[in-house]
Amino acid sequence: VQLVESGGGLVQPGGSLRLSCAASGTTFGLLVMGWFRQAPGKERDLVASVAPIRGGSRTNYADSVKGRFTISRDNAKNMVNLQMNSLKPEDTAVYYCNRVDGPSFDWGQGTQVTVSS
């Protein structure tokens, strides 16, 4: 399985970014997928997850991003997206996507998000 993250960049506080993750080599639709982030000197943490349910999906968020980030999935395209609004300097990190409900796939290279004025 290959995971490729994209969409990061430098943004001012209060700005927005949309991250995308493309997965290949697996049947994507039945997996719980998530976005993780790792800031310098810190552990990698789960910030949002999206689970497939009948008729749609169920999402969960870390308290630190609740109300600002929105995770979504496109099973037909094998993609998971993360819309990030009202960004704060503490959101600065490398962002990764991966499976949440089982053994992790090999981690991709991630995408750097830097929030700074």
C-alpha atoms as a PDB file:
ATOM      1  CA  VAL A   1       0.000   0.000   0.000  1.00  0.00           C
ATOM      2  CA  GLN A   2       1.272   3.428  -0.921  1.00  0.00           C
ATOM      3  CA  LEU A   3       0.059   6.610   0.741  1.00  0.00           C
ATOM      4  CA  VAL A   4       0.844   9.975  -0.822  1.00  0.00           C
ATOM      5  CA  GLU A   5      -0.022  13.156   1.056  1.00  0.00           C
ATOM      6  CA  SER A   6      -0.187  16.601  -0.542  1.00  0.00           C
ATOM      7  CA  GLY A   7      -1.545  20.091  -0.041  1.00  0.00           C
ATOM      8  CA  GLY A   8       0.621  21.440   2.747  1.00  0.00           C
ATOM      9  CA  GLY A   9       2.338  24.798   2.758  1.00  0.00           C
ATOM     10  CA  LEU A  10       2.960  28.034   4.603  1.00  0.00           C
ATOM     11  CA  VAL A  11      -0.135  29.895   5.760  1.00  0.00           C
ATOM     12  CA  GLN A  12      -0.797  32.800   8.091  1.00  0.00           C
ATOM     13  CA  PRO A  13      -2.713  32.295  11.338  1.00  0.00           C
ATOM     14  CA  GLY A  14      -6.416  32.181  10.611  1.00  0.00           C
ATOM     15  CA  GLY A  15      -5.854  30.826   7.131  1.00  0.00           C
ATOM     16  CA  SER A  16      -6.948  27.575   5.520  1.00  0.00           C
ATOM     17  CA  LEU A  17      -5.418  24.604   3.770  1.00  0.00           C
ATOM     18  CA  ARG A  18      -6.833  21.441   2.238  1.00  0.00           C
ATOM     19  CA  LEU A  19      -4.761  18.294   2.500  1.00  0.00           C
ATOM     20  CA  SER A  20      -5.257  15.239   0.321  1.00  0.00           C
ATOM     21  CA  CYS A  21      -4.123  11.650   0.694  1.00  0.00           C
ATOM     22  CA  ALA A  22      -4.157   9.206  -2.191  1.00  0.00           C
ATOM     23  CA  ALA A  23      -4.019   5.499  -1.344  1.00  0.00           C
ATOM     24  CA  SER A  24      -3.114   2.786  -3.791  1.00  0.00           C
ATOM     25  CA  GLY A  25      -2.716  -0.961  -3.498  1.00  0.00           C
ATOM     26  CA  THR A  26      -5.632  -1.659  -1.186  1.00  0.00           C
ATOM     27  CA  THR A  27      -9.403  -1.798  -1.070  1.00  0.00           C
ATOM     28  CA  PHE A  28      -9.995   1.489   0.597  1.00  0.00           C
ATOM     29  CA  GLY A  29     -13.699   1.640   1.206  1.00  0.00           C
ATOM     30  CA  LEU A  30     -13.981  -0.532   4.329  1.00  0.00           C
ATOM     31  CA  LEU A  31     -11.087   0.965   6.256  1.00  0.00           C
ATOM     32  CA  VAL A  32     -11.136   3.576   8.982  1.00  0.00           C
ATOM     33  CA  MET A  33      -8.680   6.198   7.799  1.00  0.00           C
ATOM     34  CA  GLY A  34      -7.196   9.090   9.666  1.00  0.00           C
ATOM     35  CA  TRP A  35      -4.959  12.104   9.544  1.00  0.00           C
ATOM     36  CA  PHE A  36      -2.067  12.260  11.964  1.00  0.00           C
ATOM     37  CA  ARG A  37       0.438  15.004  12.660  1.00  0.00           C
ATOM     38  CA  GLN A  38       3.884  15.192  14.145  1.00  0.00           C
ATOM     39  CA  ALA A  39       5.443  18.410  15.357  1.00  0.00           C
ATOM     40  CA  PRO A  40       9.207  18.694  15.906  1.00  0.00           C
ATOM     41  CA  GLY A  41      10.239  16.833  19.022  1.00  0.00           C
ATOM     42  CA  LYS A  42       6.783  15.398  19.606  1.00  0.00           C
ATOM     43  CA  GLU A  43       5.051  12.112  18.955  1.00  0.00           C
ATOM     44  CA  ARG A  44       2.762  11.489  16.030  1.00  0.00           C
ATOM     45  CA  ASP A  45      -0.852  12.084  17.080  1.00  0.00           C
ATOM     46  CA  LEU A  46      -4.178  11.263  15.477  1.00  0.00           C
ATOM     47  CA  VAL A  47      -6.156  14.433  14.755  1.00  0.00           C
ATOM     48  CA  ALA A  48      -9.116  13.151  12.739  1.00  0.00           C
ATOM     49  CA  SER A  49     -10.598   9.885  11.535  1.00  0.00           C
ATOM     50  CA  VAL A  50     -13.370   8.846   9.183  1.00  0.00           C
ATOM     51  CA  ALA A  51     -15.115   5.482   9.308  1.00  0.00           C
ATOM     52  CA  PRO A  52     -17.376   4.029   6.644  1.00  0.00           C
ATOM     53  CA  ILE A  53     -20.946   3.411   7.781  1.00  0.00           C
ATOM     54  CA  ARG A  54     -24.040   2.482   5.882  1.00  0.00           C
ATOM     55  CA  GLY A  55     -25.135   5.482   3.869  1.00  0.00           C
ATOM     56  CA  GLY A  56     -22.190   7.670   4.724  1.00  0.00           C
ATOM     57  CA  SER A  57     -19.333   8.023   7.161  1.00  0.00           C
ATOM     58  CA  ARG A  58     -18.654   8.780  10.817  1.00  0.00           C
ATOM     59  CA  THR A  59     -15.986  11.267  11.831  1.00  0.00           C
ATOM     60  CA  ASN A  60     -14.030  11.900  15.010  1.00  0.00           C
ATOM     61  CA  TYR A  61     -11.673  14.722  15.927  1.00  0.00           C
ATOM     62  CA  ALA A  62      -9.106  15.528  18.528  1.00  0.00           C
ATOM     63  CA  ASP A  63     -10.289  18.271  20.859  1.00  0.00           C
ATOM     64  CA  SER A  64      -7.532  20.561  19.611  1.00  0.00           C
ATOM     65  CA  VAL A  65      -8.963  20.646  16.063  1.00  0.00           C
ATOM     66  CA  LYS A  66     -12.678  20.118  16.668  1.00  0.00           C
ATOM     67  CA  GLY A  67     -14.740  22.751  14.908  1.00  0.00           C
ATOM     68  CA  ARG A  68     -11.830  23.833  12.694  1.00  0.00           C
ATOM     69  CA  PHE A  69     -10.875  20.708  10.732  1.00  0.00           C
ATOM     70  CA  THR A  70     -13.119  18.546   8.573  1.00  0.00           C
ATOM     71  CA  ILE A  71     -12.126  15.097   7.340  1.00  0.00           C
ATOM     72  CA  SER A  72     -13.787  13.494   4.349  1.00  0.00           C
ATOM     73  CA  ARG A  73     -13.288  10.498   2.106  1.00  0.00           C
ATOM     74  CA  ASP A  74     -13.887   9.634  -1.534  1.00  0.00           C
ATOM     75  CA  ASN A  75     -13.947   5.858  -1.743  1.00  0.00           C
ATOM     76  CA  ALA A  76     -14.250   5.844  -5.517  1.00  0.00           C
ATOM     77  CA  LYS A  77     -10.962   7.726  -5.782  1.00  0.00           C
ATOM     78  CA  ASN A  78      -9.278   6.096  -2.770  1.00  0.00           C
ATOM     79  CA  MET A  79      -8.688   9.500  -1.217  1.00  0.00           C
ATOM     80  CA  VAL A  80      -8.984  11.092   2.208  1.00  0.00           C
ATOM     81  CA  ASN A  81      -9.044  14.849   2.590  1.00  0.00           C
ATOM     82  CA  LEU A  82      -8.573  17.215   5.504  1.00  0.00           C
ATOM     83  CA  GLN A  83      -9.972  20.729   5.295  1.00  0.00           C
ATOM     84  CA  MET A  84      -8.215  22.898   7.859  1.00  0.00           C
ATOM     85  CA  ASN A  85      -9.660  26.297   8.740  1.00  0.00           C
ATOM     86  CA  SER A  86      -8.765  28.901  11.352  1.00  0.00           C
ATOM     87  CA  LEU A  87      -5.250  27.566  11.476  1.00  0.00           C
ATOM     88  CA  LYS A  88      -3.086  28.325  14.498  1.00  0.00           C
ATOM     89  CA  PRO A  89       0.697  28.296  14.939  1.00  0.00           C
ATOM     90  CA  GLU A  90       0.327  25.178  17.087  1.00  0.00           C
ATOM     91  CA  ASP A  91      -1.057  23.334  14.055  1.00  0.00           C
ATOM     92  CA  THR A  92       2.421  23.465  12.537  1.00  0.00           C
ATOM     93  CA  ALA A  93       3.527  19.885  11.882  1.00  0.00           C
ATOM     94  CA  VAL A  94       4.065  17.251   9.251  1.00  0.00           C
ATOM     95  CA  TYR A  95       0.711  15.699   8.421  1.00  0.00           C
ATOM     96  CA  TYR A  96       0.274  12.057   7.462  1.00  0.00           C
ATOM     97  CA  CYS A  97      -2.641   9.821   6.613  1.00  0.00           C
ATOM     98  CA  ASN A  98      -2.910   6.156   7.526  1.00  0.00           C
ATOM     99  CA  ARG A  99      -5.211   3.424   8.600  1.00  0.00           C
ATOM    100  CA  VAL A 100      -6.697   3.746  12.088  1.00  0.00           C
ATOM    101  CA  ASP A 101      -8.553   0.464  12.643  1.00  0.00           C
ATOM    102  CA  GLY A 102      -5.687  -1.966  12.245  1.00  0.00           C
ATOM    103  CA  PRO A 103      -1.960  -2.304  11.629  1.00  0.00           C
ATOM    104  CA  SER A 104      -0.609   0.840  10.008  1.00  0.00           C
ATOM    105  CA  PHE A 105       0.433   0.829   6.408  1.00  0.00           C
ATOM    106  CA  ASP A 106       3.914   2.058   5.575  1.00  0.00           C
ATOM    107  CA  TRP A 107       3.947   5.766   6.316  1.00  0.00           C
ATOM    108  CA  GLY A 108       4.151   8.188   3.424  1.00  0.00           C
ATOM    109  CA  GLN A 109       6.434  11.180   3.295  1.00  0.00           C
ATOM    110  CA  GLY A 110       3.806  13.431   4.812  1.00  0.00           C
ATOM    111  CA  THR A 111       3.087  17.032   3.932  1.00  0.00           C
ATOM    112  CA  GLN A 112       4.466  19.981   5.895  1.00  0.00           C
ATOM    113  CA  VAL A 113       2.037  22.533   7.276  1.00  0.00           C
ATOM    114  CA  THR A 114       3.542  25.708   8.689  1.00  0.00           C
ATOM    115  CA  VAL A 115       1.343  28.341  10.291  1.00  0.00           C
ATOM    116  CA  SER A 116       3.256  31.551  10.805  1.00  0.00           C
ATOM    117  CA  SER A 117       2.970  35.261  10.237  1.00  0.00           C
END
